[in-house]
Protein backbone atom coordinates (compact mmCIF):
# COMPACT_ATOMS: atom_id res chain seq x y z
CA UNK A 1 144.46 82.59 81.90
CA UNK A 2 141.42 80.56 82.63
CA UNK A 3 143.44 79.12 85.77
CA UNK A 4 144.02 82.29 86.56
CA UNK A 5 141.11 84.27 86.57
CA UNK A 6 139.18 81.17 88.48
CA UNK A 7 142.14 81.34 91.33
CA UNK A 8 141.04 85.08 91.56
CA UNK A 9 137.50 84.54 91.98
CA UNK A 10 138.13 81.65 94.77
CA UNK A 11 140.59 84.11 96.39
CA UNK A 12 137.96 87.07 96.37
CA UNK A 13 135.07 85.27 97.61
CA UNK A 14 136.07 85.36 101.03
CA UNK A 15 136.52 88.22 101.00
CA UNK A 16 132.81 89.07 99.70
CA UNK A 17 131.20 86.86 102.71
CA UNK A 18 133.38 88.93 105.17
CA UNK A 19 132.31 92.02 104.01
CA UNK A 20 128.83 91.03 103.93
CA UNK A 21 129.31 90.16 107.74
CA UNK A 22 130.75 92.99 108.17
CA UNK A 23 127.76 94.97 106.99
CA UNK A 24 124.58 92.95 108.66
CA UNK A 25 126.83 93.24 112.13
CA UNK A 26 127.28 96.97 111.78
CA UNK A 27 123.07 96.89 110.89
CA UNK A 28 122.23 95.21 114.30
CA UNK A 29 124.34 97.09 115.96
CA UNK A 30 122.77 100.09 114.27
CA UNK A 31 119.15 98.50 114.48
CA UNK A 32 119.76 98.19 118.51
CA UNK A 33 120.63 101.68 119.02
CA UNK A 34 117.80 102.86 117.41
CA UNK A 35 115.43 100.78 119.01
CA UNK A 36 116.80 101.42 122.90
CA UNK A 37 116.55 105.47 121.50
CA UNK A 38 112.69 104.88 120.08
CA UNK A 39 111.58 103.40 123.71
CA UNK A 40 113.48 105.77 125.44
CA UNK A 41 111.67 108.87 123.29
CA UNK A 42 108.04 106.68 123.49
CA UNK A 43 108.80 106.81 127.46
CA UNK A 44 109.39 110.82 127.86
CA UNK A 45 106.26 111.53 125.44
CA UNK A 46 104.26 109.58 127.16
CA UNK A 47 105.30 111.02 130.30
CA UNK A 48 105.39 114.18 128.79
CA UNK A 49 101.57 114.06 127.67
CA UNK A 50 100.89 112.48 130.79
CA UNK A 51 101.81 115.38 132.68
CA UNK A 52 100.50 118.08 130.82
CA UNK A 53 97.18 116.84 130.12
CA UNK A 54 97.46 114.97 126.85
CA UNK A 55 94.41 113.06 125.42
CA UNK A 56 96.25 109.76 125.62
CA UNK A 57 93.52 107.42 124.22
CA UNK A 58 92.43 108.79 120.51
CA UNK A 59 89.19 109.77 120.16
CA UNK A 60 86.73 107.40 118.18
CA UNK A 61 86.13 108.55 114.66
CA UNK A 62 83.06 109.76 113.35
CA UNK A 63 80.74 108.04 110.84
CA UNK A 64 80.87 109.48 108.10
CA UNK A 65 77.36 109.78 106.44
CA UNK A 66 76.91 109.57 102.87
CA UNK A 67 73.65 110.44 100.99
CA UNK A 68 71.48 107.27 100.02
CA UNK A 69 71.41 107.01 96.28
CA UNK A 70 68.66 105.60 93.90
CA UNK A 71 69.72 102.69 92.23
CA UNK A 72 69.42 102.89 88.19
CA UNK A 73 67.49 100.12 87.15
CA UNK A 74 67.53 101.21 83.16
CA UNK A 75 71.05 100.81 81.88
CA UNK A 76 69.82 103.19 78.93
CA UNK A 77 69.08 106.09 81.72
CA UNK A 78 72.30 104.98 83.12
CA UNK A 79 74.17 105.84 79.92
CA UNK A 80 72.21 108.87 79.87
CA UNK A 81 73.28 110.05 82.85
CA UNK A 82 77.40 109.78 82.05
CA UNK A 83 77.00 110.97 78.66
CA UNK A 84 75.50 114.44 80.03
CA UNK A 85 78.08 114.50 83.00
CA UNK A 86 81.15 113.99 80.27
CA UNK A 87 79.65 116.31 78.11
CA UNK A 88 78.93 113.98 75.17
CA UNK A 89 82.71 113.18 75.13
């Protein structure tokens, strides 16, 4: 029985390797097609934006002004502030 299982395993290894090869080859074909379509779409999208006055350069983001907070010098005060904020939880 061990001999039969060993032969079966040895015979199925090439089949699994072949299946993995087919999957990798198919994925490569799909990746190539997707890359080609993405490139074509980007070219058409850029041409459309340029023709109809789309803004091709992004505007710089505005800086968010945050209020200046005063540092708490006393740890007891910090604990009181936390307790008051949480309602004495």
